[in-house]
Amino acid sequence: MQQETNFPMELHTLGEYIRHRRKALAISQEALASSLGIGLTTLAGIEAGTRNVTLYNIEKIFFGLFSLESSASKDKSLPRR
């Protein structure tokens, strides 16, 4: 039986994706929220799918994750000493 919520399923899917990418980058919620300039409570609510998210914050999160992923992939391609 599917649990009823006040929010559409898409919010849960979006939040799960953000959480998955953040964890893949080994970044805490606190660190990501701070680097994006959004509140920890806001990010936690988005990831949990319990908070309505603005297009502005979606853009900030995705550009921030993309930037962090790009940095991480560049770091991996650099030779290690």
Protein backbone atom coordinates (compact mmCIF):
# COMPACT_ATOMS: atom_id res chain seq x y z
CA MET A 1 0.00 0.00 0.00
CA GLN A 2 1.40 3.37 -1.03
CA GLN A 3 1.79 5.97 1.69
CA GLU A 4 -0.30 9.10 1.14
CA THR A 5 1.45 12.46 1.29
CA ASN A 6 0.45 16.05 0.69
CA PHE A 7 3.22 16.39 -1.88
CA PRO A 8 3.42 14.92 -5.37
CA MET A 9 5.66 11.92 -5.92
CA GLU A 10 7.96 14.04 -8.09
CA LEU A 11 9.22 15.87 -5.01
CA HIS A 12 10.27 12.59 -3.44
CA THR A 13 12.00 11.52 -6.65
CA LEU A 14 13.81 14.84 -6.93
CA GLY A 15 14.91 14.68 -3.31
CA GLU A 16 16.09 11.09 -3.66
CA TYR A 17 18.16 12.06 -6.71
CA ILE A 18 19.75 15.00 -4.89
CA ARG A 19 20.55 12.81 -1.86
CA HIS A 20 22.02 10.11 -4.11
CA ARG A 21 24.29 12.59 -5.94
CA ARG A 22 25.34 14.28 -2.69
CA LYS A 23 26.26 10.95 -1.08
CA ALA A 24 28.10 9.84 -4.22
CA LEU A 25 30.24 12.95 -3.83
CA ALA A 26 30.73 12.17 -0.12
CA ILE A 27 29.39 15.58 0.92
CA SER A 28 27.36 16.18 4.08
CA GLN A 29 24.05 18.01 3.97
CA GLU A 30 25.65 20.76 6.03
CA ALA A 31 28.54 21.21 3.60
CA LEU A 32 26.31 21.21 0.51
CA ALA A 33 23.78 23.60 2.01
CA SER A 34 26.56 25.96 3.08
CA SER A 35 28.28 25.88 -0.31
CA LEU A 36 24.97 26.58 -2.08
CA GLY A 37 23.89 29.33 0.29
CA ILE A 38 20.66 27.59 1.29
CA GLY A 39 19.56 26.53 4.74
CA LEU A 40 20.25 23.06 6.07
CA THR A 41 16.57 22.67 6.96
CA THR A 42 15.64 23.59 3.39
CA LEU A 43 18.02 21.04 1.87
CA ALA A 44 16.97 18.32 4.32
CA GLY A 45 13.30 18.96 3.54
CA ILE A 46 13.95 18.85 -0.21
CA GLU A 47 15.84 15.57 0.10
CA ALA A 48 13.07 14.10 2.25
CA GLY A 49 10.45 15.24 -0.25
CA THR A 50 8.53 17.09 2.45
CA ARG A 51 9.29 20.61 1.33
CA ASN A 52 8.10 22.44 -1.73
CA VAL A 53 11.12 23.61 -3.64
CA THR A 54 11.40 26.70 -5.79
CA LEU A 55 12.81 26.61 -9.29
CA TYR A 56 15.50 29.00 -8.04
CA ASN A 57 16.67 26.47 -5.41
CA ILE A 58 16.47 23.57 -7.87
CA GLU A 59 18.76 25.54 -10.16
CA LYS A 60 21.19 26.35 -7.33
CA ILE A 61 21.32 22.70 -6.23
CA PHE A 62 21.83 21.25 -9.70
CA PHE A 63 24.43 23.81 -10.76
CA GLY A 64 26.19 23.28 -7.42
CA LEU A 65 26.17 19.49 -7.74
CA PHE A 66 27.36 19.73 -11.35
CA SER A 67 30.19 22.03 -10.30
CA LEU A 68 31.21 19.69 -7.48
CA GLU A 69 31.05 16.66 -9.79
CA SER A 70 33.19 18.46 -12.38
CA SER A 71 35.75 19.37 -9.72
CA ALA A 72 35.80 15.82 -8.39
CA SER A 73 36.31 14.31 -11.85
CA LYS A 74 39.12 16.78 -12.62
CA ASP A 75 40.80 15.90 -9.31
CA LYS A 76 40.63 12.19 -10.17
CA SER A 77 42.20 12.78 -13.58
CA LEU A 78 45.20 14.59 -12.07
CA PRO A 79 48.27 12.48 -11.45
CA ARG A 80 48.79 11.54 -7.80
CA ARG A 81 52.17 11.90 -6.13
